[in-house]
Amino acid sequence: MSISKRLHDATVMALLASHISFFEQHTHGHILNRFTTDIKTLDNFVFAFLEMIDYFVKCLTAVIIVIYLYPTVLLFIIPSVVYLMHLR
């Protein structure tokens, strides 16, 4: 939540620091519509990034637990990873 708040505050400060000619060329509705669209995009990006990190940590934890409990799985994992890297 604090990430979104900081991004919002930075966006507002950048908008307020713009030249007066910007406000003369664009209507208030256009500025407000663009601002809300940008904030929505930023919020979606932050949420997707945090969701991706959560998914990555869960997958990595599961792999570590499986390798810890069944070390013989490495006999299958290592050749599979090498083969997949070769295909890539």
PDB file of N, CA and C in Angstrom:
ATOM      1  N   MET A   1       0.820  -1.194   0.000  1.00  0.00           N
ATOM      2  CA  MET A   1       0.000   0.000   0.000  1.00  0.00           C
ATOM      3  C   MET A   1       0.863   1.258   0.000  1.00  0.00           C
ATOM      4  N   SER A   2       1.988   1.197   0.708  1.00  0.00           N
ATOM      5  CA  SER A   2       2.842   2.383   0.755  1.00  0.00           C
ATOM      6  C   SER A   2       3.503   2.634  -0.600  1.00  0.00           C
ATOM      7  N   ILE A   3       3.734   1.569  -1.378  1.00  0.00           N
ATOM      8  CA  ILE A   3       4.300   1.752  -2.716  1.00  0.00           C
ATOM      9  C   ILE A   3       3.335   2.560  -3.576  1.00  0.00           C
ATOM     10  N   SER A   4       2.073   2.193  -3.544  1.00  0.00           N
ATOM     11  CA  SER A   4       1.066   2.912  -4.339  1.00  0.00           C
ATOM     12  C   SER A   4       0.946   4.359  -3.882  1.00  0.00           C
ATOM     13  N   LYS A   5       1.013   4.584  -2.573  1.00  0.00           N
ATOM     14  CA  LYS A   5       0.911   5.946  -2.043  1.00  0.00           C
ATOM     15  C   LYS A   5       2.094   6.795  -2.499  1.00  0.00           C
ATOM     16  N   ARG A   6       3.296   6.229  -2.457  1.00  0.00           N
ATOM     17  CA  ARG A   6       4.468   6.984  -2.901  1.00  0.00           C
ATOM     18  C   ARG A   6       4.407   7.296  -4.395  1.00  0.00           C
ATOM     19  N   LEU A   7       3.956   6.311  -5.207  1.00  0.00           N
ATOM     20  CA  LEU A   7       3.818   6.550  -6.639  1.00  0.00           C
ATOM     21  C   LEU A   7       2.768   7.621  -6.919  1.00  0.00           C
ATOM     22  N   HIS A   8       1.669   7.575  -6.183  1.00  0.00           N
ATOM     23  CA  HIS A   8       0.605   8.571  -6.342  1.00  0.00           C
ATOM     24  C   HIS A   8       1.130   9.951  -5.982  1.00  0.00           C
ATOM     25  N   ASP A   9       1.828  10.052  -4.859  1.00  0.00           N
ATOM     26  CA  ASP A   9       2.359  11.351  -4.437  1.00  0.00           C
ATOM     27  C   ASP A   9       3.366  11.897  -5.444  1.00  0.00           C
ATOM     28  N   ALA A  10       4.224  11.035  -5.968  1.00  0.00           N
ATOM     29  CA  ALA A  10       5.204  11.480  -6.956  1.00  0.00           C
ATOM     30  C   ALA A  10       4.526  11.943  -8.238  1.00  0.00           C
ATOM     31  N   THR A  11       3.466  11.257  -8.627  1.00  0.00           N
ATOM     32  CA  THR A  11       2.733  11.640  -9.833  1.00  0.00           C
ATOM     33  C   THR A  11       2.035  12.986  -9.642  1.00  0.00           C
ATOM     34  N   VAL A  12       1.438  13.190  -8.487  1.00  0.00           N
ATOM     35  CA  VAL A  12       0.771  14.463  -8.197  1.00  0.00           C
ATOM     36  C   VAL A  12       1.785  15.600  -8.188  1.00  0.00           C
ATOM     37  N   MET A  13       2.940  15.374  -7.558  1.00  0.00           N
ATOM     38  CA  MET A  13       3.960  16.422  -7.513  1.00  0.00           C
ATOM     39  C   MET A  13       4.480  16.756  -8.913  1.00  0.00           C
ATOM     40  N   ALA A  14       4.641  15.728  -9.766  1.00  0.00           N
ATOM     41  CA  ALA A  14       5.088  15.977 -11.141  1.00  0.00           C
ATOM     42  C   ALA A  14       4.025  16.761 -11.915  1.00  0.00           C
ATOM     43  N   LEU A  15       2.767  16.458 -11.678  1.00  0.00           N
ATOM     44  CA  LEU A  15       1.688  17.184 -12.355  1.00  0.00           C
ATOM     45  C   LEU A  15       1.637  18.631 -11.885  1.00  0.00           C
ATOM     46  N   LEU A  16       1.791  18.837 -10.588  1.00  0.00           N
ATOM     47  CA  LEU A  16       1.749  20.199 -10.060  1.00  0.00           C
ATOM     48  C   LEU A  16       2.971  21.020 -10.468  1.00  0.00           C
ATOM     49  N   ALA A  17       4.080  20.350 -10.770  1.00  0.00           N
ATOM     50  CA  ALA A  17       5.306  21.058 -11.161  1.00  0.00           C
ATOM     51  C   ALA A  17       5.347  21.373 -12.653  1.00  0.00           C
ATOM     52  N   SER A  18       4.351  20.938 -13.401  1.00  0.00           N
ATOM     53  CA  SER A  18       4.368  21.188 -14.843  1.00  0.00           C
ATOM     54  C   SER A  18       4.068  22.660 -15.133  1.00  0.00           C
ATOM     55  N   HIS A  19       4.440  23.076 -16.327  1.00  0.00           N
ATOM     56  CA  HIS A  19       4.279  24.477 -16.733  1.00  0.00           C
ATOM     57  C   HIS A  19       2.802  24.822 -16.898  1.00  0.00           C
ATOM     58  N   ILE A  20       2.509  26.093 -16.756  1.00  0.00           N
ATOM     59  CA  ILE A  20       1.135  26.569 -16.869  1.00  0.00           C
ATOM     60  C   ILE A  20       0.591  26.359 -18.281  1.00  0.00           C
ATOM     61  N   SER A  21       1.489  26.327 -19.256  1.00  0.00           N
ATOM     62  CA  SER A  21       1.039  26.124 -20.634  1.00  0.00           C
ATOM     63  C   SER A  21       0.408  24.733 -20.813  1.00  0.00           C
ATOM     64  N   PHE A  22       0.871  23.773 -20.029  1.00  0.00           N
ATOM     65  CA  PHE A  22       0.263  22.439 -20.088  1.00  0.00           C
ATOM     66  C   PHE A  22      -1.213  22.507 -19.704  1.00  0.00           C
ATOM     67  N   PHE A  23      -1.519  23.269 -18.653  1.00  0.00           N
ATOM     68  CA  PHE A  23      -2.905  23.384 -18.196  1.00  0.00           C
ATOM     69  C   PHE A  23      -3.743  24.228 -19.153  1.00  0.00           C
ATOM     70  N   GLU A  24      -3.095  25.128 -19.870  1.00  0.00           N
ATOM     71  CA  GLU A  24      -3.828  25.940 -20.851  1.00  0.00           C
ATOM     72  C   GLU A  24      -4.174  25.136 -22.101  1.00  0.00           C
ATOM     73  N   GLN A  25      -3.324  24.161 -22.443  1.00  0.00           N
ATOM     74  CA  GLN A  25      -3.541  23.383 -23.657  1.00  0.00           C
ATOM     75  C   GLN A  25      -4.512  22.228 -23.462  1.00  0.00           C
ATOM     76  N   HIS A  26      -4.651  21.733 -22.235  1.00  0.00           N
ATOM     77  CA  HIS A  26      -5.489  20.565 -21.968  1.00  0.00           C
ATOM     78  C   HIS A  26      -6.621  20.941 -21.019  1.00  0.00           C
ATOM     79  N   THR A  27      -7.757  20.314 -21.247  1.00  0.00           N
ATOM     80  CA  THR A  27      -8.905  20.573 -20.375  1.00  0.00           C
ATOM     81  C   THR A  27      -8.723  19.836 -19.052  1.00  0.00           C
ATOM     82  N   HIS A  28      -9.459  20.290 -18.058  1.00  0.00           N
ATOM     83  CA  HIS A  28      -9.376  19.661 -16.734  1.00  0.00           C
ATOM     84  C   HIS A  28      -9.836  18.208 -16.786  1.00  0.00           C
ATOM     85  N   GLY A  29     -10.851  17.957 -17.590  1.00  0.00           N
ATOM     86  CA  GLY A  29     -11.351  16.591 -17.719  1.00  0.00           C
ATOM     87  C   GLY A  29     -10.324  15.662 -18.340  1.00  0.00           C
ATOM     88  N   HIS A  30      -9.615  16.155 -19.352  1.00  0.00           N
ATOM     89  CA  HIS A  30      -8.583  15.350 -20.002  1.00  0.00           C
ATOM     90  C   HIS A  30      -7.442  15.052 -19.031  1.00  0.00           C
ATOM     91  N   ILE A  31      -7.017  16.049 -18.269  1.00  0.00           N
ATOM     92  CA  ILE A  31      -5.937  15.851 -17.292  1.00  0.00           C
ATOM     93  C   ILE A  31      -6.367  14.865 -16.226  1.00  0.00           C
ATOM     94  N   LEU A  32      -7.578  15.023 -15.710  1.00  0.00           N
ATOM     95  CA  LEU A  32      -8.068  14.123 -14.667  1.00  0.00           C
ATOM     96  C   LEU A  32      -8.238  12.702 -15.178  1.00  0.00           C
ATOM     97  N   ASN A  33      -8.756  12.563 -16.395  1.00  0.00           N
ATOM     98  CA  ASN A  33      -8.934  11.237 -16.984  1.00  0.00           C
ATOM     99  C   ASN A  33      -7.587  10.547 -17.181  1.00  0.00           C
ATOM    100  N   ARG A  34      -6.611  11.286 -17.703  1.00  0.00           N
ATOM    101  CA  ARG A  34      -5.274  10.712 -17.914  1.00  0.00           C
ATOM    102  C   ARG A  34      -4.614  10.349 -16.583  1.00  0.00           C
ATOM    103  N   PHE A  35      -4.773  11.210 -15.583  1.00  0.00           N
ATOM    104  CA  PHE A  35      -4.182  10.966 -14.274  1.00  0.00           C
ATOM    105  C   PHE A  35      -4.771   9.710 -13.638  1.00  0.00           C
ATOM    106  N   THR A  36      -6.074   9.566 -13.660  1.00  0.00           N
ATOM    107  CA  THR A  36      -6.694   8.385 -13.054  1.00  0.00           C
ATOM    108  C   THR A  36      -6.329   7.114 -13.813  1.00  0.00           C
ATOM    109  N   THR A  37      -6.217   7.205 -15.135  1.00  0.00           N
ATOM    110  CA  THR A  37      -5.800   6.037 -15.924  1.00  0.00           C
ATOM    111  C   THR A  37      -4.374   5.626 -15.570  1.00  0.00           C
ATOM    112  N   ASP A  38      -3.484   6.617 -15.434  1.00  0.00           N
ATOM    113  CA  ASP A  38      -2.095   6.314 -15.076  1.00  0.00           C
ATOM    114  C   ASP A  38      -1.995   5.702 -13.681  1.00  0.00           C
ATOM    115  N   ILE A  39      -2.749   6.213 -12.742  1.00  0.00           N
ATOM    116  CA  ILE A  39      -2.731   5.666 -11.378  1.00  0.00           C
ATOM    117  C   ILE A  39      -3.269   4.242 -11.376  1.00  0.00           C
ATOM    118  N   LYS A  40      -4.318   3.989 -12.138  1.00  0.00           N
ATOM    119  CA  LYS A  40      -4.873   2.638 -12.240  1.00  0.00           C
ATOM    120  C   LYS A  40      -3.839   1.677 -12.822  1.00  0.00           C
ATOM    121  N   THR A  41      -3.132   2.110 -13.861  1.00  0.00           N
ATOM    122  CA  THR A  41      -2.089   1.282 -14.474  1.00  0.00           C
ATOM    123  C   THR A  41      -0.968   0.995 -13.481  1.00  0.00           C
ATOM    124  N   LEU A  42      -0.536   2.008 -12.742  1.00  0.00           N
ATOM    125  CA  LEU A  42       0.509   1.809 -11.739  1.00  0.00           C
ATOM    126  C   LEU A  42       0.066   0.842 -10.649  1.00  0.00           C
ATOM    127  N   ASP A  43      -1.164   0.987 -10.181  1.00  0.00           N
ATOM    128  CA  ASP A  43      -1.674   0.084  -9.140  1.00  0.00           C
ATOM    129  C   ASP A  43      -1.728  -1.353  -9.638  1.00  0.00           C
ATOM    130  N   ASN A  44      -2.172  -1.549 -10.876  1.00  0.00           N
ATOM    131  CA  ASN A  44      -2.216  -2.900 -11.440  1.00  0.00           C
ATOM    132  C   ASN A  44      -0.815  -3.481 -11.603  1.00  0.00           C
ATOM    133  N   PHE A  45       0.140  -2.645 -12.012  1.00  0.00           N
ATOM    134  CA  PHE A  45       1.516  -3.109 -12.176  1.00  0.00           C
ATOM    135  C   PHE A  45       2.117  -3.515 -10.841  1.00  0.00           C
ATOM    136  N   VAL A  46       1.914  -2.709  -9.810  1.00  0.00           N
ATOM    137  CA  VAL A  46       2.450  -3.025  -8.482  1.00  0.00           C
ATOM    138  C   VAL A  46       1.834  -4.322  -7.971  1.00  0.00           C
ATOM    139  N   PHE A  47       0.531  -4.481  -8.123  1.00  0.00           N
ATOM    140  CA  PHE A  47      -0.130  -5.701  -7.656  1.00  0.00           C
ATOM    141  C   PHE A  47       0.379  -6.922  -8.409  1.00  0.00           C
ATOM    142  N   ALA A  48       0.532  -6.820  -9.722  1.00  0.00           N
ATOM    143  CA  ALA A  48       1.022  -7.955 -10.506  1.00  0.00           C
ATOM    144  C   ALA A  48       2.454  -8.303 -10.130  1.00  0.00           C
ATOM    145  N   PHE A  49       3.285  -7.295  -9.879  1.00  0.00           N
ATOM    146  CA  PHE A  49       4.672  -7.539  -9.486  1.00  0.00           C
ATOM    147  C   PHE A  49       4.735  -8.246  -8.135  1.00  0.00           C
ATOM    148  N   LEU A  50       3.959  -7.773  -7.168  1.00  0.00           N
ATOM    149  CA  LEU A  50       3.960  -8.413  -5.845  1.00  0.00           C
ATOM    150  C   LEU A  50       3.389  -9.827  -5.917  1.00  0.00           C
ATOM    151  N   GLU A  51       2.396 -10.031  -6.761  1.00  0.00           N
ATOM    152  CA  GLU A  51       1.829 -11.363  -6.943  1.00  0.00           C
ATOM    153  C   GLU A  51       2.852 -12.305  -7.572  1.00  0.00           C
ATOM    154  N   MET A  52       3.644 -11.808  -8.523  1.00  0.00           N
ATOM    155  CA  MET A  52       4.684 -12.612  -9.153  1.00  0.00           C
ATOM    156  C   MET A  52       5.766 -12.992  -8.145  1.00  0.00           C
ATOM    157  N   ILE A  53       6.167 -12.064  -7.295  1.00  0.00           N
ATOM    158  CA  ILE A  53       7.168 -12.365  -6.272  1.00  0.00           C
ATOM    159  C   ILE A  53       6.640 -13.417  -5.308  1.00  0.00           C
ATOM    160  N   ASP A  54       5.383 -13.300  -4.906  1.00  0.00           N
ATOM    161  CA  ASP A  54       4.772 -14.283  -4.014  1.00  0.00           C
ATOM    162  C   ASP A  54       4.758 -15.673  -4.649  1.00  0.00           C
ATOM    163  N   TYR A  55       4.393 -15.753  -5.917  1.00  0.00           N
ATOM    164  CA  TYR A  55       4.358 -17.026  -6.630  1.00  0.00           C
ATOM    165  C   TYR A  55       5.759 -17.623  -6.741  1.00  0.00           C
ATOM    166  N   PHE A  56       6.751 -16.784  -7.051  1.00  0.00           N
ATOM    167  CA  PHE A  56       8.126 -17.253  -7.169  1.00  0.00           C
ATOM    168  C   PHE A  56       8.640 -17.807  -5.848  1.00  0.00           C
ATOM    169  N   VAL A  57       8.374 -17.123  -4.750  1.00  0.00           N
ATOM    170  CA  VAL A  57       8.825 -17.588  -3.428  1.00  0.00           C
ATOM    171  C   VAL A  57       8.157 -18.913  -3.075  1.00  0.00           C
ATOM    172  N   LYS A  58       6.881 -19.049  -3.362  1.00  0.00           N
ATOM    173  CA  LYS A  58       6.183 -20.304  -3.075  1.00  0.00           C
ATOM    174  C   LYS A  58       6.743 -21.458  -3.902  1.00  0.00           C
ATOM    175  N   CYS A  59       7.005 -21.227  -5.177  1.00  0.00           N
ATOM    176  CA  CYS A  59       7.571 -22.285  -6.032  1.00  0.00           C
ATOM    177  C   CYS A  59       8.973 -22.666  -5.575  1.00  0.00           C
ATOM    178  N   LEU A  60       9.780 -21.680  -5.266  1.00  0.00           N
ATOM    179  CA  LEU A  60      11.138 -21.950  -4.811  1.00  0.00           C
ATOM    180  C   LEU A  60      11.128 -22.715  -3.493  1.00  0.00           C
ATOM    181  N   THR A  61      10.245 -22.355  -2.590  1.00  0.00           N
ATOM    182  CA  THR A  61      10.123 -23.071  -1.321  1.00  0.00           C
ATOM    183  C   THR A  61       9.711 -24.512  -1.549  1.00  0.00           C
ATOM    184  N   ALA A  62       8.764 -24.744  -2.429  1.00  0.00           N
ATOM    185  CA  ALA A  62       8.320 -26.108  -2.714  1.00  0.00           C
ATOM    186  C   ALA A  62       9.456 -26.943  -3.304  1.00  0.00           C
ATOM    187  N   VAL A  63      10.222 -26.365  -4.215  1.00  0.00           N
ATOM    188  CA  VAL A  63      11.339 -27.095  -4.814  1.00  0.00           C
ATOM    189  C   VAL A  63      12.394 -27.420  -3.765  1.00  0.00           C
ATOM    190  N   ILE A  64      12.705 -26.475  -2.906  1.00  0.00           N
ATOM    191  CA  ILE A  64      13.700 -26.711  -1.854  1.00  0.00           C
ATOM    192  C   ILE A  64      13.243 -27.803  -0.901  1.00  0.00           C
ATOM    193  N   ILE A  65      11.978 -27.790  -0.537  1.00  0.00           N
ATOM    194  CA  ILE A  65      11.454 -28.823   0.375  1.00  0.00           C
ATOM    195  C   ILE A  65      11.515 -30.199  -0.277  1.00  0.00           C
ATOM    196  N   VAL A  66      11.128 -30.273  -1.547  1.00  0.00           N
ATOM    197  CA  VAL A  66      11.163 -31.568  -2.244  1.00  0.00           C
ATOM    198  C   VAL A  66      12.595 -32.075  -2.358  1.00  0.00           C
ATOM    199  N   ILE A  67      13.530 -31.207  -2.682  1.00  0.00           N
ATOM    200  CA  ILE A  67      14.927 -31.622  -2.797  1.00  0.00           C
ATOM    201  C   ILE A  67      15.480 -32.029  -1.438  1.00  0.00           C
ATOM    202  N   TYR A  68      15.074 -31.332  -0.396  1.00  0.00           N
ATOM    203  CA  TYR A  68      15.544 -31.672   0.954  1.00  0.00           C
ATOM    204  C   TYR A  68      15.004 -33.038   1.394  1.00  0.00           C
ATOM    205  N   LEU A  69      13.743 -33.302   1.111  1.00  0.00           N
ATOM    206  CA  LEU A  69      13.131 -34.561   1.547  1.00  0.00           C
ATOM    207  C   LEU A  69      13.525 -35.746   0.674  1.00  0.00           C
ATOM    208  N   TYR A  70      13.687 -35.499  -0.626  1.00  0.00           N
ATOM    209  CA  TYR A  70      14.013 -36.576  -1.566  1.00  0.00           C
ATOM    210  C   TYR A  70      15.204 -36.158  -2.427  1.00  0.00           C
ATOM    211  N   PRO A  71      16.423 -36.286  -1.918  1.00  0.00           N
ATOM    212  CA  PRO A  71      17.587 -35.836  -2.692  1.00  0.00           C
ATOM    213  C   PRO A  71      17.797 -36.616  -3.992  1.00  0.00           C
ATOM    214  N   THR A  72      17.213 -37.792  -4.090  1.00  0.00           N
ATOM    215  CA  THR A  72      17.362 -38.556  -5.333  1.00  0.00           C
ATOM    216  C   THR A  72      16.628 -37.904  -6.506  1.00  0.00           C
ATOM    217  N   VAL A  73      15.744 -36.997  -6.214  1.00  0.00           N
ATOM    218  CA  VAL A  73      15.028 -36.275  -7.267  1.00  0.00           C
ATOM    219  C   VAL A  73      16.017 -35.460  -8.107  1.00  0.00           C
ATOM    220  N   LEU A  74      17.132 -35.076  -7.502  1.00  0.00           N
ATOM    221  CA  LEU A  74      18.149 -34.323  -8.236  1.00  0.00           C
ATOM    222  C   LEU A  74      18.675 -35.102  -9.439  1.00  0.00           C
ATOM    223  N   LEU A  75      18.636 -36.436  -9.346  1.00  0.00           N
ATOM    224  CA  LEU A  75      19.087 -37.248 -10.478  1.00  0.00           C
ATOM    225  C   LEU A  75      18.219 -37.028 -11.717  1.00  0.00           C
ATOM    226  N   PHE A  76      16.967 -36.648 -11.500  1.00  0.00           N
ATOM    227  CA  PHE A  76      16.054 -36.376 -12.608  1.00  0.00           C
ATOM    228  C   PHE A  76      15.982 -34.880 -12.943  1.00  0.00           C
ATOM    229  N   ILE A  77      16.138 -34.055 -11.934  1.00  0.00           N
ATOM    230  CA  ILE A  77      15.992 -32.615 -12.137  1.00  0.00           C
ATOM    231  C   ILE A  77      17.159 -32.046 -12.938  1.00  0.00           C
ATOM    232  N   ILE A  78      18.364 -32.404 -12.568  1.00  0.00           N
ATOM    233  CA  ILE A  78      19.536 -31.814 -13.221  1.00  0.00           C
ATOM    234  C   ILE A  78      19.564 -32.117 -14.726  1.00  0.00           C
ATOM    235  N   PRO A  79      19.397 -33.383 -15.151  1.00  0.00           N
ATOM    236  CA  PRO A  79      19.368 -33.610 -16.609  1.00  0.00           C
ATOM    237  C   PRO A  79      18.191 -32.915 -17.299  1.00  0.00           C
ATOM    238  N   SER A  80      17.063 -32.844 -16.623  1.00  0.00           N
ATOM    239  CA  SER A  80      15.901 -32.170 -17.224  1.00  0.00           C
ATOM    240  C   SER A  80      16.169 -30.683 -17.425  1.00  0.00           C
ATOM    241  N   VAL A  81      16.772 -30.040 -16.439  1.00  0.00           N
ATOM    242  CA  VAL A  81      17.081 -28.612 -16.545  1.00  0.00           C
ATOM    243  C   VAL A  81      18.109 -28.373 -17.647  1.00  0.00           C
ATOM    244  N   VAL A  82      19.119 -29.241 -17.717  1.00  0.00           N
ATOM    245  CA  VAL A  82      20.127 -29.100 -18.765  1.00  0.00           C
ATOM    246  C   VAL A  82      19.478 -29.254 -20.140  1.00  0.00           C
ATOM    247  N   TYR A  83      18.605 -30.228 -20.297  1.00  0.00           N
ATOM    248  CA  TYR A  83      17.920 -30.447 -21.573  1.00  0.00           C
ATOM    249  C   TYR A  83      17.018 -29.265 -21.942  1.00  0.00           C
ATOM    250  N   LEU A  84      16.284 -28.745 -20.964  1.00  0.00           N
ATOM    251  CA  LEU A  84      15.408 -27.605 -21.231  1.00  0.00           C
ATOM    252  C   LEU A  84      16.197 -26.353 -21.586  1.00  0.00           C
ATOM    253  N   MET A  85      17.351 -26.164 -20.957  1.00  0.00           N
ATOM    254  CA  MET A  85      18.208 -25.014 -21.287  1.00  0.00           C
ATOM    255  C   MET A  85      18.766 -25.174 -22.711  1.00  0.00           C
ATOM    256  N   HIS A  86      19.066 -26.401 -23.069  1.00  0.00           N
ATOM    257  CA  HIS A  86      19.555 -26.659 -24.428  1.00  0.00           C
ATOM    258  C   HIS A  86      18.452 -26.372 -25.453  1.00  0.00           C
ATOM    259  N   LEU A  87      17.216 -26.730 -25.159  1.00  0.00           N
ATOM    260  CA  LEU A  87      16.099 -26.436 -26.062  1.00  0.00           C
ATOM    261  C   LEU A  87      15.838 -24.938 -26.179  1.00  0.00           C
ATOM    262  N   ARG A  88      16.019 -24.274 -25.109  1.00  0.00           N
ATOM    263  CA  ARG A  88      15.763 -22.830 -25.088  1.00  0.00           C
ATOM    264  C   ARG A  88      16.725 -22.127 -25.993  1.00  0.00           C
TER     265      ARG A  88
END
